[in-house]
Amino acid sequence: MRVAVLGFEKDREKIEKIAKFLDASVVIYRAGIFGELMSKFDCIVAYMPTGIVVRSICPHLKGKWVDPAIVVIDKPMKFAIPLLGAHRGANTVAENLKALGLTPVITTSAEFLDGLCVGIGCRRGVSPEEILKAIYLALNEVKAKLEDIRLIATVELKKDEKGLIEAADSIKKPLMFVSAEKLNEMGIRETKAKIIGIKNVAEACALFYSKRKELVLPKKAYGGVTIAIAR
């Protein structure tokens, strides 16, 4: 993930500290900078008032699956607030900032509700119809319904996979992305790096967001789509 930490020159010391922790680029605020950054970075961490950020990004917003994640940090560095793109990295970045003593302010509901987490691995270019068919077949195997799903999860490298995005949108379920590094830290079997950093994408992603860490359906292939379900 390409991350930029943005702030005023007078706050350079603090933004450099944040950027070093996140392995991010340091950017000093100037007029028009948000428009430039939003086309170049996956996430912008802004150490400045929320009002400035909101007014600056509004003219450049294109859509939930296109816009970068935006995280705002308050002046005393107490809170990390995912403002935009919560499920495209903002929540994850805010959670990571706990290591610097910040409290993540998570306002999305998917992280707190009960329900099933559907982990998905798929071939590049798979259609939304194939993904939906696989989801329905997997649900049928565990005698569950579409409304039982809390969220769908996949590896971060799939964040631009059109079929996944359209499938999640069509059934109105949050699509969450997890980095390969985070999944490998979990120590799930068969998760060592191969092509995209992890082997068992479906199970690892399902378990990552599940509450009980209980695998309901071990990974199962449905054509070019692999599904696992956890709760």
C-alpha atoms as a PDB file:
ATOM      1  CA  MET A   1       0.000   0.000   0.000  1.00  0.00           C
ATOM      2  CA  ARG A   2       1.350   3.415  -0.988  1.00  0.00           C
ATOM      3  CA  VAL A   3       0.833   5.736   1.988  1.00  0.00           C
ATOM      4  CA  ALA A   4       1.429   9.480   2.284  1.00  0.00           C
ATOM      5  CA  VAL A   5       1.519  11.318   5.610  1.00  0.00           C
ATOM      6  CA  LEU A   6       0.411  14.912   5.125  1.00  0.00           C
ATOM      7  CA  GLY A   7       0.783  17.839   7.492  1.00  0.00           C
ATOM      8  CA  PHE A   8       1.974  21.409   7.939  1.00  0.00           C
ATOM      9  CA  GLU A   9       5.641  22.412   7.926  1.00  0.00           C
ATOM     10  CA  LYS A  10       5.419  23.406  11.598  1.00  0.00           C
ATOM     11  CA  ASP A  11       4.427  19.816  12.426  1.00  0.00           C
ATOM     12  CA  ARG A  12       7.180  18.176  10.369  1.00  0.00           C
ATOM     13  CA  GLU A  13       8.691  16.347  13.346  1.00  0.00           C
ATOM     14  CA  LYS A  14       5.412  14.606  14.147  1.00  0.00           C
ATOM     15  CA  ILE A  15       4.504  13.735  10.575  1.00  0.00           C
ATOM     16  CA  GLU A  16       7.993  12.330  10.025  1.00  0.00           C
ATOM     17  CA  LYS A  17       7.525  10.144  13.092  1.00  0.00           C
ATOM     18  CA  ILE A  18       4.201   8.851  11.764  1.00  0.00           C
ATOM     19  CA  ALA A  19       5.637   8.338   8.279  1.00  0.00           C
ATOM     20  CA  LYS A  20       8.626   6.410   9.596  1.00  0.00           C
ATOM     21  CA  PHE A  21       6.338   4.072  11.520  1.00  0.00           C
ATOM     22  CA  LEU A  22       4.080   3.478   8.503  1.00  0.00           C
ATOM     23  CA  ASP A  23       6.970   3.368   6.004  1.00  0.00           C
ATOM     24  CA  ALA A  24       5.223   6.212   4.210  1.00  0.00           C
ATOM     25  CA  SER A  25       6.097   9.339   2.230  1.00  0.00           C
ATOM     26  CA  VAL A  26       6.209  12.706   4.020  1.00  0.00           C
ATOM     27  CA  VAL A  27       4.236  15.455   2.271  1.00  0.00           C
ATOM     28  CA  ILE A  28       3.977  19.077   3.417  1.00  0.00           C
ATOM     29  CA  TYR A  29       0.559  20.658   2.936  1.00  0.00           C
ATOM     30  CA  ARG A  30      -0.014  23.286   0.262  1.00  0.00           C
ATOM     31  CA  ALA A  31      -3.009  24.397  -1.772  1.00  0.00           C
ATOM     32  CA  GLY A  32      -4.194  21.728  -4.201  1.00  0.00           C
ATOM     33  CA  ILE A  33      -2.089  18.950  -2.705  1.00  0.00           C
ATOM     34  CA  PHE A  34      -5.012  16.616  -1.968  1.00  0.00           C
ATOM     35  CA  GLY A  35      -5.943  16.362  -5.641  1.00  0.00           C
ATOM     36  CA  GLU A  36      -2.388  15.309  -6.483  1.00  0.00           C
ATOM     37  CA  LEU A  37      -2.077  12.790  -3.661  1.00  0.00           C
ATOM     38  CA  MET A  38      -5.451  11.143  -4.266  1.00  0.00           C
ATOM     39  CA  SER A  39      -4.339  10.027  -7.725  1.00  0.00           C
ATOM     40  CA  LYS A  40      -0.965   8.709  -6.553  1.00  0.00           C
ATOM     41  CA  PHE A  41      -1.473   7.060  -3.149  1.00  0.00           C
ATOM     42  CA  ASP A  42      -3.634   4.266  -1.743  1.00  0.00           C
ATOM     43  CA  CYS A  43      -3.923   5.970   1.649  1.00  0.00           C
ATOM     44  CA  ILE A  44      -3.443   9.505   2.937  1.00  0.00           C
ATOM     45  CA  VAL A  45      -2.842  10.033   6.647  1.00  0.00           C
ATOM     46  CA  ALA A  46      -3.574  13.679   7.418  1.00  0.00           C
ATOM     47  CA  TYR A  47      -2.239  15.264  10.615  1.00  0.00           C
ATOM     48  CA  MET A  48      -4.525  18.300  10.510  1.00  0.00           C
ATOM     49  CA  PRO A  49      -8.096  19.398  11.317  1.00  0.00           C
ATOM     50  CA  THR A  50     -10.848  17.211   9.874  1.00  0.00           C
ATOM     51  CA  GLY A  51     -12.591  20.249   8.381  1.00  0.00           C
ATOM     52  CA  ILE A  52      -9.633  21.061   6.140  1.00  0.00           C
ATOM     53  CA  VAL A  53      -9.467  17.460   4.973  1.00  0.00           C
ATOM     54  CA  VAL A  54     -13.194  17.210   4.208  1.00  0.00           C
ATOM     55  CA  ARG A  55     -13.299  20.453   2.235  1.00  0.00           C
ATOM     56  CA  SER A  56     -10.142  19.516   0.342  1.00  0.00           C
ATOM     57  CA  ILE A  57     -11.114  16.002  -0.721  1.00  0.00           C
ATOM     58  CA  CYS A  58     -14.754  16.639  -1.690  1.00  0.00           C
ATOM     59  CA  PRO A  59     -14.068  17.977  -5.220  1.00  0.00           C
ATOM     60  CA  HIS A  60     -11.915  14.924  -5.998  1.00  0.00           C
ATOM     61  CA  LEU A  61     -14.161  12.070  -4.828  1.00  0.00           C
ATOM     62  CA  LYS A  62     -15.048   9.555  -7.562  1.00  0.00           C
ATOM     63  CA  GLY A  63     -16.429   6.459  -5.825  1.00  0.00           C
ATOM     64  CA  LYS A  64     -15.952   4.072  -2.905  1.00  0.00           C
ATOM     65  CA  TRP A  65     -13.866   1.574  -4.920  1.00  0.00           C
ATOM     66  CA  VAL A  66     -11.701   4.246  -6.545  1.00  0.00           C
ATOM     67  CA  ASP A  67     -10.963   6.830  -3.859  1.00  0.00           C
ATOM     68  CA  PRO A  68      -7.956   6.304  -1.586  1.00  0.00           C
ATOM     69  CA  ALA A  69      -8.309   5.604   2.105  1.00  0.00           C
ATOM     70  CA  ILE A  70      -8.154   8.751   4.265  1.00  0.00           C
ATOM     71  CA  VAL A  71      -7.170   8.745   7.946  1.00  0.00           C
ATOM     72  CA  VAL A  72      -7.150  11.898  10.083  1.00  0.00           C
ATOM     73  CA  ILE A  73      -5.007  12.268  13.217  1.00  0.00           C
ATOM     74  CA  ASP A  74      -5.920  14.901  15.792  1.00  0.00           C
ATOM     75  CA  LYS A  75      -3.501  17.541  17.104  1.00  0.00           C
ATOM     76  CA  PRO A  76      -2.652  15.831  20.456  1.00  0.00           C
ATOM     77  CA  MET A  77      -2.097  12.543  18.551  1.00  0.00           C
ATOM     78  CA  LYS A  78      -4.692  10.711  20.617  1.00  0.00           C
ATOM     79  CA  PHE A  79      -7.009   9.471  17.866  1.00  0.00           C
ATOM     80  CA  ALA A  80      -6.726   7.988  14.373  1.00  0.00           C
ATOM     81  CA  ILE A  81     -10.002   8.501  12.507  1.00  0.00           C
ATOM     82  CA  PRO A  82     -10.729   6.575   9.283  1.00  0.00           C
ATOM     83  CA  LEU A  83     -12.589   9.220   7.292  1.00  0.00           C
ATOM     84  CA  LEU A  84     -12.843   7.516   3.920  1.00  0.00           C
ATOM     85  CA  GLY A  85     -12.211   4.036   2.540  1.00  0.00           C
ATOM     86  CA  ALA A  86     -12.579   2.220   5.851  1.00  0.00           C
ATOM     87  CA  HIS A  87     -12.670  -1.150   4.107  1.00  0.00           C
ATOM     88  CA  ARG A  88      -9.944  -0.210   1.637  1.00  0.00           C
ATOM     89  CA  GLY A  89      -7.233   0.231   4.229  1.00  0.00           C
ATOM     90  CA  ALA A  90      -8.207   3.165   6.452  1.00  0.00           C
ATOM     91  CA  ASN A  91      -9.371   0.966   9.333  1.00  0.00           C
ATOM     92  CA  THR A  92      -6.226  -1.155   9.075  1.00  0.00           C
ATOM     93  CA  VAL A  93      -3.929   1.883   9.115  1.00  0.00           C
ATOM     94  CA  ALA A  94      -5.818   3.341  12.090  1.00  0.00           C
ATOM     95  CA  GLU A  95      -5.509   0.026  13.945  1.00  0.00           C
ATOM     96  CA  ASN A  96      -1.781  -0.108  13.190  1.00  0.00           C
ATOM     97  CA  LEU A  97      -1.340   3.357  14.704  1.00  0.00           C
ATOM     98  CA  LYS A  98      -2.255   1.911  18.104  1.00  0.00           C
ATOM     99  CA  ALA A  99       1.447   1.083  18.357  1.00  0.00           C
ATOM    100  CA  LEU A 100       2.132   4.844  18.498  1.00  0.00           C
ATOM    101  CA  GLY A 101      -0.377   5.273  21.310  1.00  0.00           C
ATOM    102  CA  LEU A 102      -3.307   6.432  19.173  1.00  0.00           C
ATOM    103  CA  THR A 103      -6.840   5.125  19.611  1.00  0.00           C
ATOM    104  CA  PRO A 104      -8.503   4.069  16.336  1.00  0.00           C
ATOM    105  CA  VAL A 105     -12.015   5.514  15.990  1.00  0.00           C
ATOM    106  CA  ILE A 106     -13.810   2.811  13.990  1.00  0.00           C
ATOM    107  CA  THR A 107     -17.336   3.770  12.930  1.00  0.00           C
ATOM    108  CA  THR A 108     -18.128   1.033  10.380  1.00  0.00           C
ATOM    109  CA  SER A 109     -20.455  -1.698  11.633  1.00  0.00           C
ATOM    110  CA  ALA A 110     -19.008  -4.789   9.942  1.00  0.00           C
ATOM    111  CA  GLU A 111     -16.281  -5.184  12.550  1.00  0.00           C
ATOM    112  CA  PHE A 112     -18.733  -5.376  15.444  1.00  0.00           C
ATOM    113  CA  LEU A 113     -21.703  -7.406  14.229  1.00  0.00           C
ATOM    114  CA  ASP A 114     -22.073 -11.165  14.631  1.00  0.00           C
ATOM    115  CA  GLY A 115     -22.308 -13.338  11.563  1.00  0.00           C
ATOM    116  CA  LEU A 116     -20.321 -15.355   9.071  1.00  0.00           C
ATOM    117  CA  CYS A 117     -17.103 -14.197   7.446  1.00  0.00           C
ATOM    118  CA  VAL A 118     -16.672 -15.473   3.905  1.00  0.00           C
ATOM    119  CA  GLY A 119     -13.043 -15.696   2.820  1.00  0.00           C
ATOM    120  CA  ILE A 120     -12.445 -15.712  -0.919  1.00  0.00           C
ATOM    121  CA  GLY A 121      -9.519 -16.546  -3.163  1.00  0.00           C
ATOM    122  CA  CYS A 122      -9.978 -16.367  -6.920  1.00  0.00           C
ATOM    123  CA  ARG A 123      -8.348 -16.403 -10.313  1.00  0.00           C
ATOM    124  CA  ARG A 124      -7.522 -13.058 -11.845  1.00  0.00           C
ATOM    125  CA  GLY A 125     -10.387 -11.831 -14.001  1.00  0.00           C
ATOM    126  CA  VAL A 126     -13.065 -14.106 -12.544  1.00  0.00           C
ATOM    127  CA  SER A 127     -16.607 -12.845 -13.199  1.00  0.00           C
ATOM    128  CA  PRO A 128     -18.977 -11.615 -10.471  1.00  0.00           C
ATOM    129  CA  GLU A 129     -21.429 -14.334 -11.519  1.00  0.00           C
ATOM    130  CA  GLU A 130     -18.847 -17.051 -10.819  1.00  0.00           C
ATOM    131  CA  ILE A 131     -18.091 -15.568  -7.413  1.00  0.00           C
ATOM    132  CA  LEU A 132     -21.759 -15.276  -6.460  1.00  0.00           C
ATOM    133  CA  LYS A 133     -22.417 -18.857  -7.563  1.00  0.00           C
ATOM    134  CA  ALA A 134     -19.524 -20.051  -5.379  1.00  0.00           C
ATOM    135  CA  ILE A 135     -20.817 -18.067  -2.384  1.00  0.00           C
ATOM    136  CA  TYR A 136     -24.319 -19.529  -2.704  1.00  0.00           C
ATOM    137  CA  LEU A 137     -22.964 -23.077  -3.069  1.00  0.00           C
ATOM    138  CA  ALA A 138     -20.756 -22.620   0.002  1.00  0.00           C
ATOM    139  CA  LEU A 139     -23.641 -21.219   2.048  1.00  0.00           C
ATOM    140  CA  ASN A 140     -25.780 -24.174   1.039  1.00  0.00           C
ATOM    141  CA  GLU A 141     -23.126 -26.566   2.344  1.00  0.00           C
ATOM    142  CA  VAL A 142     -23.302 -25.067   5.838  1.00  0.00           C
ATOM    143  CA  LYS A 143     -27.076 -24.516   5.676  1.00  0.00           C
ATOM    144  CA  ALA A 144     -26.697 -20.741   5.918  1.00  0.00           C
ATOM    145  CA  LYS A 145     -28.426 -17.845   4.178  1.00  0.00           C
ATOM    146  CA  LEU A 146     -27.144 -14.720   2.491  1.00  0.00           C
ATOM    147  CA  GLU A 147     -28.341 -12.595   5.411  1.00  0.00           C
ATOM    148  CA  ASP A 148     -26.096 -14.633   7.738  1.00  0.00           C
ATOM    149  CA  ILE A 149     -23.000 -13.142   6.087  1.00  0.00           C
ATOM    150  CA  ARG A 150     -21.374 -10.310   8.031  1.00  0.00           C
ATOM    151  CA  LEU A 151     -18.643  -9.553   5.514  1.00  0.00           C
ATOM    152  CA  ILE A 152     -16.545 -10.891   2.659  1.00  0.00           C
ATOM    153  CA  ALA A 153     -12.763 -10.861   2.989  1.00  0.00           C
ATOM    154  CA  THR A 154      -9.859 -11.362   0.627  1.00  0.00           C
ATOM    155  CA  VAL A 155      -6.176 -10.542   0.362  1.00  0.00           C
ATOM    156  CA  GLU A 156      -5.188  -6.889  -0.187  1.00  0.00           C
ATOM    157  CA  LEU A 157      -3.663  -7.606  -3.594  1.00  0.00           C
ATOM    158  CA  LYS A 158      -7.183  -8.326  -4.855  1.00  0.00           C
ATOM    159  CA  LYS A 159      -8.479  -4.846  -3.997  1.00  0.00           C
ATOM    160  CA  ASP A 160      -8.848  -3.978  -7.696  1.00  0.00           C
ATOM    161  CA  GLU A 161     -10.457  -7.292  -8.682  1.00  0.00           C
ATOM    162  CA  LYS A 162     -13.570  -6.113 -10.521  1.00  0.00           C
ATOM    163  CA  GLY A 163     -15.487  -9.388 -10.164  1.00  0.00           C
ATOM    164  CA  LEU A 164     -15.084  -9.399  -6.380  1.00  0.00           C
ATOM    165  CA  ILE A 165     -16.088  -5.766  -6.037  1.00  0.00           C
ATOM    166  CA  GLU A 166     -19.196  -6.186  -8.188  1.00  0.00           C
ATOM    167  CA  ALA A 167     -20.206  -9.414  -6.443  1.00  0.00           C
ATOM    168  CA  ALA A 168     -19.957  -7.833  -2.976  1.00  0.00           C
ATOM    169  CA  ASP A 169     -21.827  -4.742  -4.159  1.00  0.00           C
ATOM    170  CA  SER A 170     -24.649  -6.791  -5.668  1.00  0.00           C
ATOM    171  CA  ILE A 171     -25.382  -8.575  -2.378  1.00  0.00           C
ATOM    172  CA  LYS A 172     -24.668  -5.446  -0.311  1.00  0.00           C
ATOM    173  CA  LYS A 173     -21.923  -6.969   1.847  1.00  0.00           C
ATOM    174  CA  PRO A 174     -18.752  -5.171   3.009  1.00  0.00           C
ATOM    175  CA  LEU A 175     -15.645  -6.319   1.145  1.00  0.00           C
ATOM    176  CA  MET A 176     -12.621  -6.286   3.437  1.00  0.00           C
ATOM    177  CA  PHE A 177      -8.968  -6.538   2.417  1.00  0.00           C
ATOM    178  CA  VAL A 178      -6.116  -7.950   4.504  1.00  0.00           C
ATOM    179  CA  SER A 179      -2.402  -7.662   3.788  1.00  0.00           C
ATOM    180  CA  ALA A 180      -0.409 -10.845   3.177  1.00  0.00           C
ATOM    181  CA  GLU A 181       1.858  -9.850   6.066  1.00  0.00           C
ATOM    182  CA  LYS A 182      -1.055  -9.715   8.509  1.00  0.00           C
ATOM    183  CA  LEU A 183      -2.336 -13.102   7.395  1.00  0.00           C
ATOM    184  CA  ASN A 184       1.050 -14.765   7.612  1.00  0.00           C
ATOM    185  CA  GLU A 185       1.423 -13.458  11.175  1.00  0.00           C
ATOM    186  CA  MET A 186      -1.624 -15.520  12.134  1.00  0.00           C
ATOM    187  CA  GLY A 187       0.262 -18.773  11.594  1.00  0.00           C
ATOM    188  CA  ILE A 188      -2.593 -20.449   9.715  1.00  0.00           C
ATOM    189  CA  ARG A 189      -1.550 -23.674   8.025  1.00  0.00           C
ATOM    190  CA  GLU A 190      -0.295 -23.394   4.460  1.00  0.00           C
ATOM    191  CA  THR A 191       0.042 -19.627   4.526  1.00  0.00           C
ATOM    192  CA  LYS A 192       3.667 -19.302   3.479  1.00  0.00           C
ATOM    193  CA  ALA A 193       4.534 -17.101   0.547  1.00  0.00           C
ATOM    194  CA  LYS A 194       4.227 -18.310  -3.004  1.00  0.00           C
ATOM    195  CA  ILE A 195       2.763 -16.168  -5.774  1.00  0.00           C
ATOM    196  CA  ILE A 196       0.891 -13.464  -3.837  1.00  0.00           C
ATOM    197  CA  GLY A 197       2.374 -13.914  -0.376  1.00  0.00           C
ATOM    198  CA  ILE A 198      -0.015 -16.480   1.056  1.00  0.00           C
ATOM    199  CA  LYS A 199      -1.247 -19.854  -0.116  1.00  0.00           C
ATOM    200  CA  ASN A 200      -4.446 -20.423   1.842  1.00  0.00           C
ATOM    201  CA  VAL A 201      -6.161 -17.122   1.079  1.00  0.00           C
ATOM    202  CA  ALA A 202      -9.765 -18.146   1.715  1.00  0.00           C
ATOM    203  CA  GLU A 203      -9.336 -19.696   5.188  1.00  0.00           C
ATOM    204  CA  ALA A 204      -6.860 -17.062   6.348  1.00  0.00           C
ATOM    205  CA  CYS A 205      -9.108 -14.156   5.344  1.00  0.00           C
ATOM    206  CA  ALA A 206     -12.249 -15.737   6.799  1.00  0.00           C
ATOM    207  CA  LEU A 207     -10.565 -16.380  10.144  1.00  0.00           C
ATOM    208  CA  PHE A 208      -8.884 -12.970  10.268  1.00  0.00           C
ATOM    209  CA  TYR A 209     -12.198 -11.108  10.617  1.00  0.00           C
ATOM    210  CA  SER A 210     -14.161 -13.801  12.451  1.00  0.00           C
ATOM    211  CA  LYS A 211     -15.165 -13.318  16.088  1.00  0.00           C
ATOM    212  CA  ARG A 212     -14.852 -16.875  17.400  1.00  0.00           C
ATOM    213  CA  LYS A 213     -12.000 -17.933  15.079  1.00  0.00           C
ATOM    214  CA  GLU A 214     -14.050 -21.017  14.261  1.00  0.00           C
ATOM    215  CA  LEU A 215     -13.865 -22.473  10.758  1.00  0.00           C
ATOM    216  CA  VAL A 216     -17.362 -23.468   9.628  1.00  0.00           C
ATOM    217  CA  LEU A 217     -16.372 -24.465   6.092  1.00  0.00           C
ATOM    218  CA  PRO A 218     -12.724 -25.298   5.291  1.00  0.00           C
ATOM    219  CA  LYS A 219     -11.512 -24.002   1.948  1.00  0.00           C
ATOM    220  CA  LYS A 220     -13.323 -25.488  -1.005  1.00  0.00           C
ATOM    221  CA  ALA A 221     -12.836 -24.774  -4.702  1.00  0.00           C
ATOM    222  CA  TYR A 222     -15.746 -23.919  -6.958  1.00  0.00           C
ATOM    223  CA  GLY A 223     -14.140 -23.590 -10.375  1.00  0.00           C
ATOM    224  CA  GLY A 224     -11.881 -20.546 -10.281  1.00  0.00           C
ATOM    225  CA  VAL A 225     -13.132 -19.442  -6.863  1.00  0.00           C
ATOM    226  CA  THR A 226     -12.084 -20.777  -3.457  1.00  0.00           C
ATOM    227  CA  ILE A 227     -14.376 -20.191  -0.478  1.00  0.00           C
ATOM    228  CA  ALA A 228     -13.953 -20.675   3.267  1.00  0.00           C
ATOM    229  CA  ILE A 229     -16.419 -19.629   5.964  1.00  0.00           C
ATOM    230  CA  ALA A 230     -15.665 -18.749   9.587  1.00  0.00           C
ATOM    231  CA  ARG A 231     -17.520 -17.238  12.541  1.00  0.00           C
END
